[in-house]
C-alpha atoms as a PDB file:
ATOM      1  CA  MET A   1      -0.992 -24.255 -34.861  1.00  0.00           C
ATOM      2  CA  THR A   2       1.829 -26.296 -33.443  1.00  0.00           C
ATOM      3  CA  ASP A   3       5.428 -25.149 -33.073  1.00  0.00           C
ATOM      4  CA  ARG A   4       6.283 -27.333 -36.049  1.00  0.00           C
ATOM      5  CA  ASP A   5       3.542 -25.667 -38.135  1.00  0.00           C
ATOM      6  CA  ASN A   6       4.924 -22.268 -37.138  1.00  0.00           C
ATOM      7  CA  ALA A   7       8.445 -23.303 -38.138  1.00  0.00           C
ATOM      8  CA  THR A   8       7.163 -24.617 -41.459  1.00  0.00           C
ATOM      9  CA  ALA A   9       5.245 -21.385 -42.079  1.00  0.00           C
ATOM     10  CA  GLU A  10       8.405 -19.390 -41.359  1.00  0.00           C
ATOM     11  CA  THR A  11      10.379 -21.539 -43.817  1.00  0.00           C
ATOM     12  CA  LEU A  12       7.684 -21.060 -46.464  1.00  0.00           C
ATOM     13  CA  ARG A  13       7.736 -17.316 -45.789  1.00  0.00           C
ATOM     14  CA  GLU A  14      11.524 -17.174 -46.258  1.00  0.00           C
ATOM     15  CA  LEU A  15      11.406 -19.235 -49.454  1.00  0.00           C
ATOM     16  CA  ALA A  16       8.605 -17.087 -50.864  1.00  0.00           C
ATOM     17  CA  ASP A  17      10.552 -13.916 -50.042  1.00  0.00           C
ATOM     18  CA  ARG A  18      13.600 -15.237 -51.898  1.00  0.00           C
ATOM     19  CA  GLN A  19      11.449 -15.790 -54.971  1.00  0.00           C
ATOM     20  CA  ARG A  20       9.707 -12.423 -54.489  1.00  0.00           C
ATOM     21  CA  LEU A  21       6.370 -14.163 -54.029  1.00  0.00           C
ATOM     22  CA  ARG A  22       3.758 -12.678 -51.757  1.00  0.00           C
ATOM     23  CA  PHE A  23       1.184 -14.625 -49.817  1.00  0.00           C
ATOM     24  CA  SER A  24      -1.213 -13.567 -47.127  1.00  0.00           C
ATOM     25  CA  GLU A  25      -0.519 -14.783 -43.611  1.00  0.00           C
ATOM     26  CA  ALA A  26      -3.619 -16.987 -43.822  1.00  0.00           C
ATOM     27  CA  GLU A  27      -2.292 -18.648 -46.998  1.00  0.00           C
ATOM     28  CA  LEU A  28       1.093 -19.298 -45.382  1.00  0.00           C
ATOM     29  CA  VAL A  29      -0.527 -20.802 -42.294  1.00  0.00           C
ATOM     30  CA  ALA A  30      -2.855 -22.992 -44.376  1.00  0.00           C
ATOM     31  CA  GLY A  31       0.043 -24.069 -46.586  1.00  0.00           C
ATOM     32  CA  ALA A  32       2.160 -24.976 -43.574  1.00  0.00           C
ATOM     33  CA  VAL A  33      -0.606 -27.085 -42.033  1.00  0.00           C
ATOM     34  CA  GLN A  34      -1.240 -28.864 -45.346  1.00  0.00           C
ATOM     35  CA  LEU A  35       2.475 -29.483 -45.877  1.00  0.00           C
ATOM     36  CA  GLU A  36       2.828 -30.973 -42.395  1.00  0.00           C
ATOM     37  CA  SER A  37      -0.149 -33.242 -43.107  1.00  0.00           C
ATOM     38  CA  ILE A  38       1.493 -34.438 -46.323  1.00  0.00           C
ATOM     39  CA  LEU A  39       4.788 -35.072 -44.517  1.00  0.00           C
ATOM     40  CA  GLU A  40       2.999 -37.071 -41.809  1.00  0.00           C
ATOM     41  CA  SER A  41       1.226 -39.163 -44.449  1.00  0.00           C
ATOM     42  CA  LEU A  42       4.511 -39.837 -46.229  1.00  0.00           C
ATOM     43  CA  GLY A  43       6.029 -40.823 -42.898  1.00  0.00           C
ATOM     44  CA  GLU A  44       3.309 -43.444 -42.503  1.00  0.00           C
ATOM     45  CA  LEU A  45       4.548 -45.095 -45.707  1.00  0.00           C
ATOM     46  CA  ASP A  46       7.694 -46.126 -43.817  1.00  0.00           C
ATOM     47  CA  GLN A  47       5.787 -49.064 -42.356  1.00  0.00           C
ATOM     48  CA  PHE A  48       5.531 -50.460 -45.885  1.00  0.00           C
ATOM     49  CA  GLU A  49       9.262 -49.931 -46.497  1.00  0.00           C
ATOM     50  CA  ILE A  50       8.582 -47.806 -49.566  1.00  0.00           C
ATOM     51  CA  THR A  51      11.811 -46.028 -50.441  1.00  0.00           C
ATOM     52  CA  GLY A  52      10.560 -43.972 -53.359  1.00  0.00           C
ATOM     53  CA  LEU A  53       7.570 -43.230 -55.495  1.00  0.00           C
ATOM     54  CA  GLU A  54       7.662 -43.245 -59.265  1.00  0.00           C
ATOM     55  CA  PRO A  55       5.539 -40.981 -61.415  1.00  0.00           C
ATOM     56  CA  THR A  56       2.805 -42.719 -63.385  1.00  0.00           C
ATOM     57  CA  THR A  57       3.143 -40.456 -66.423  1.00  0.00           C
ATOM     58  CA  TYR A  58       6.217 -39.511 -68.386  1.00  0.00           C
ATOM     59  CA  ILE A  59       6.867 -36.907 -71.042  1.00  0.00           C
ATOM     60  CA  CYS A  60       8.287 -38.248 -74.305  1.00  0.00           C
ATOM     61  CA  PHE A  61      11.435 -36.262 -74.976  1.00  0.00           C
ATOM     62  CA  ASP A  62      11.137 -36.459 -78.755  1.00  0.00           C
ATOM     63  CA  ASP A  63       7.676 -34.857 -78.556  1.00  0.00           C
ATOM     64  CA  PRO A  64       7.228 -32.792 -75.362  1.00  0.00           C
ATOM     65  CA  SER A  65       3.524 -32.320 -76.066  1.00  0.00           C
ATOM     66  CA  GLU A  66       2.919 -36.062 -75.858  1.00  0.00           C
ATOM     67  CA  VAL A  67       2.377 -37.665 -72.462  1.00  0.00           C
ATOM     68  CA  THR A  68       2.270 -41.429 -72.090  1.00  0.00           C
ATOM     69  CA  ASN A  69       0.933 -43.471 -69.247  1.00  0.00           C
ATOM     70  CA  ALA A  70       3.651 -45.628 -67.685  1.00  0.00           C
ATOM     71  CA  ARG A  71       1.151 -48.355 -66.875  1.00  0.00           C
ATOM     72  CA  ALA A  72      -0.101 -48.661 -70.467  1.00  0.00           C
END
C-alpha cells in the first residue's frame, strides 16, 4: 500500500468510528485501495473537461416507489 492508501484507510477508519461502524483491517485496506482507484479514474476525466456527472435515473417525488429513466 502507498502512503496515500494508508492515509485514506485512516480517514475511512475515523469516519467508520464516528458512525460506530466496525470493519476488519483487511476491509479498510481493500476499501482504501478501491477508493483511490476510483479517484484516479475520476481524475482522468479532467482531460475531457467534464465538470459533473448527472444521474441517469431519478425518483418521482409524487410517487417515491416509481423510478424513471432520464434518457427515456
